[in-house]
Amino acid sequence: MSEIDSVTNLLIGLTAIGCAARILILFIKMQISEPEEINESKGRIKNAAVFLAIALSVFSLKSILVGYFG
């Protein structure tokens, strides 16, 4: 079970780092892009934030279930 927990913690870290990097890249891209492309970047930032929230919720749900049934 400890191997699963370590892999899960690794995935949580990679997910958070990946989403933070994606959002940072999109913010930088917004600064150098044309005004018409800013709304598209805002939508992508929103989608990345929603993905991060859903992904972290899944891992939290897993830990709750393991704590309850384990």
C-alpha atoms as a PDB file:
ATOM      1  CA  MET A   1       0.000   0.000   0.000  1.00  0.00           C
ATOM      2  CA  SER A   2       2.914   2.355   0.638  1.00  0.00           C
ATOM      3  CA  GLU A   3       3.997   2.001  -3.004  1.00  0.00           C
ATOM      4  CA  ILE A   4       0.557   3.136  -4.173  1.00  0.00           C
ATOM      5  CA  ASP A   5       0.688   6.106  -1.804  1.00  0.00           C
ATOM      6  CA  SER A   6       4.124   7.139  -3.057  1.00  0.00           C
ATOM      7  CA  VAL A   7       3.012   6.892  -6.692  1.00  0.00           C
ATOM      8  CA  THR A   8      -0.129   8.871  -5.866  1.00  0.00           C
ATOM      9  CA  ASN A   9       1.899  11.590  -4.159  1.00  0.00           C
ATOM     10  CA  LEU A  10       4.206  11.725  -7.176  1.00  0.00           C
ATOM     11  CA  LEU A  11       1.223  12.109  -9.512  1.00  0.00           C
ATOM     12  CA  ILE A  12      -0.247  14.853  -7.336  1.00  0.00           C
ATOM     13  CA  GLY A  13       3.036  16.755  -7.488  1.00  0.00           C
ATOM     14  CA  LEU A  14       3.431  16.296 -11.235  1.00  0.00           C
ATOM     15  CA  THR A  15      -0.155  17.393 -11.845  1.00  0.00           C
ATOM     16  CA  ALA A  16       0.234  20.528  -9.755  1.00  0.00           C
ATOM     17  CA  ILE A  17       3.596  21.430 -11.297  1.00  0.00           C
ATOM     18  CA  GLY A  18       2.304  20.790 -14.816  1.00  0.00           C
ATOM     19  CA  CYS A  19      -0.790  22.912 -14.363  1.00  0.00           C
ATOM     20  CA  ALA A  20       1.172  25.724 -12.731  1.00  0.00           C
ATOM     21  CA  ALA A  21       3.654  25.680 -15.613  1.00  0.00           C
ATOM     22  CA  ARG A  22       0.805  25.683 -18.155  1.00  0.00           C
ATOM     23  CA  ILE A  23      -0.875  28.643 -16.464  1.00  0.00           C
ATOM     24  CA  LEU A  24       2.432  30.534 -16.226  1.00  0.00           C
ATOM     25  CA  ILE A  25       3.144  29.942 -19.918  1.00  0.00           C
ATOM     26  CA  LEU A  26      -0.346  31.148 -20.833  1.00  0.00           C
ATOM     27  CA  PHE A  27       0.078  34.311 -18.729  1.00  0.00           C
ATOM     28  CA  ILE A  28       3.360  35.046 -20.502  1.00  0.00           C
ATOM     29  CA  LYS A  29       1.735  34.328 -23.860  1.00  0.00           C
ATOM     30  CA  MET A  30      -1.080  36.748 -22.990  1.00  0.00           C
ATOM     31  CA  GLN A  31       1.448  39.531 -22.421  1.00  0.00           C
ATOM     32  CA  ILE A  32       3.050  39.161 -25.847  1.00  0.00           C
ATOM     33  CA  SER A  33       0.020  38.193 -27.922  1.00  0.00           C
ATOM     34  CA  GLU A  34      -2.405  40.228 -29.965  1.00  0.00           C
ATOM     35  CA  PRO A  35      -5.503  41.622 -28.214  1.00  0.00           C
ATOM     36  CA  GLU A  36      -7.766  39.212 -30.114  1.00  0.00           C
ATOM     37  CA  GLU A  37      -5.940  36.194 -28.677  1.00  0.00           C
ATOM     38  CA  ILE A  38      -6.222  37.271 -25.025  1.00  0.00           C
ATOM     39  CA  ASN A  39      -9.741  35.855 -24.588  1.00  0.00           C
ATOM     40  CA  GLU A  40      -8.578  32.508 -25.935  1.00  0.00           C
ATOM     41  CA  SER A  41      -5.721  32.447 -23.419  1.00  0.00           C
ATOM     42  CA  LYS A  42      -8.094  33.376 -20.585  1.00  0.00           C
ATOM     43  CA  GLY A  43     -10.291  30.418 -21.496  1.00  0.00           C
ATOM     44  CA  ARG A  44      -7.310  28.078 -21.520  1.00  0.00           C
ATOM     45  CA  ILE A  45      -6.179  29.362 -18.123  1.00  0.00           C
ATOM     46  CA  LYS A  46      -9.667  28.742 -16.762  1.00  0.00           C
ATOM     47  CA  ASN A  47      -9.668  25.220 -18.219  1.00  0.00           C
ATOM     48  CA  ALA A  48      -6.274  24.459 -16.674  1.00  0.00           C
ATOM     49  CA  ALA A  49      -7.478  25.667 -13.267  1.00  0.00           C
ATOM     50  CA  VAL A  50     -10.629  23.545 -13.522  1.00  0.00           C
ATOM     51  CA  PHE A  51      -8.547  20.517 -14.516  1.00  0.00           C
ATOM     52  CA  LEU A  52      -6.278  21.035 -11.516  1.00  0.00           C
ATOM     53  CA  ALA A  53      -9.244  21.295  -9.152  1.00  0.00           C
ATOM     54  CA  ILE A  54     -10.848  18.131 -10.539  1.00  0.00           C
ATOM     55  CA  ALA A  55      -7.577  16.186 -10.545  1.00  0.00           C
ATOM     56  CA  LEU A  56      -6.788  17.104  -6.943  1.00  0.00           C
ATOM     57  CA  SER A  57     -10.354  16.270  -5.934  1.00  0.00           C
ATOM     58  CA  VAL A  58      -9.939  12.760  -7.316  1.00  0.00           C
ATOM     59  CA  PHE A  59      -6.798  12.229  -5.248  1.00  0.00           C
ATOM     60  CA  SER A  60      -8.522  13.632  -2.163  1.00  0.00           C
ATOM     61  CA  LEU A  61     -11.475  11.320  -2.710  1.00  0.00           C
ATOM     62  CA  LYS A  62      -9.062   8.385  -2.973  1.00  0.00           C
ATOM     63  CA  SER A  63      -7.458   9.246   0.355  1.00  0.00           C
ATOM     64  CA  ILE A  64     -10.865   9.634   2.016  1.00  0.00           C
ATOM     65  CA  LEU A  65     -11.998   6.246   0.731  1.00  0.00           C
ATOM     66  CA  VAL A  66      -8.774   4.551   1.803  1.00  0.00           C
ATOM     67  CA  GLY A  67      -9.095   6.120   5.242  1.00  0.00           C
ATOM     68  CA  TYR A  68     -12.702   5.030   5.569  1.00  0.00           C
ATOM     69  CA  PHE A  69     -12.407   1.481   4.245  1.00  0.00           C
ATOM     70  CA  GLY A  70      -8.755   0.843   5.087  1.00  0.00           C
END
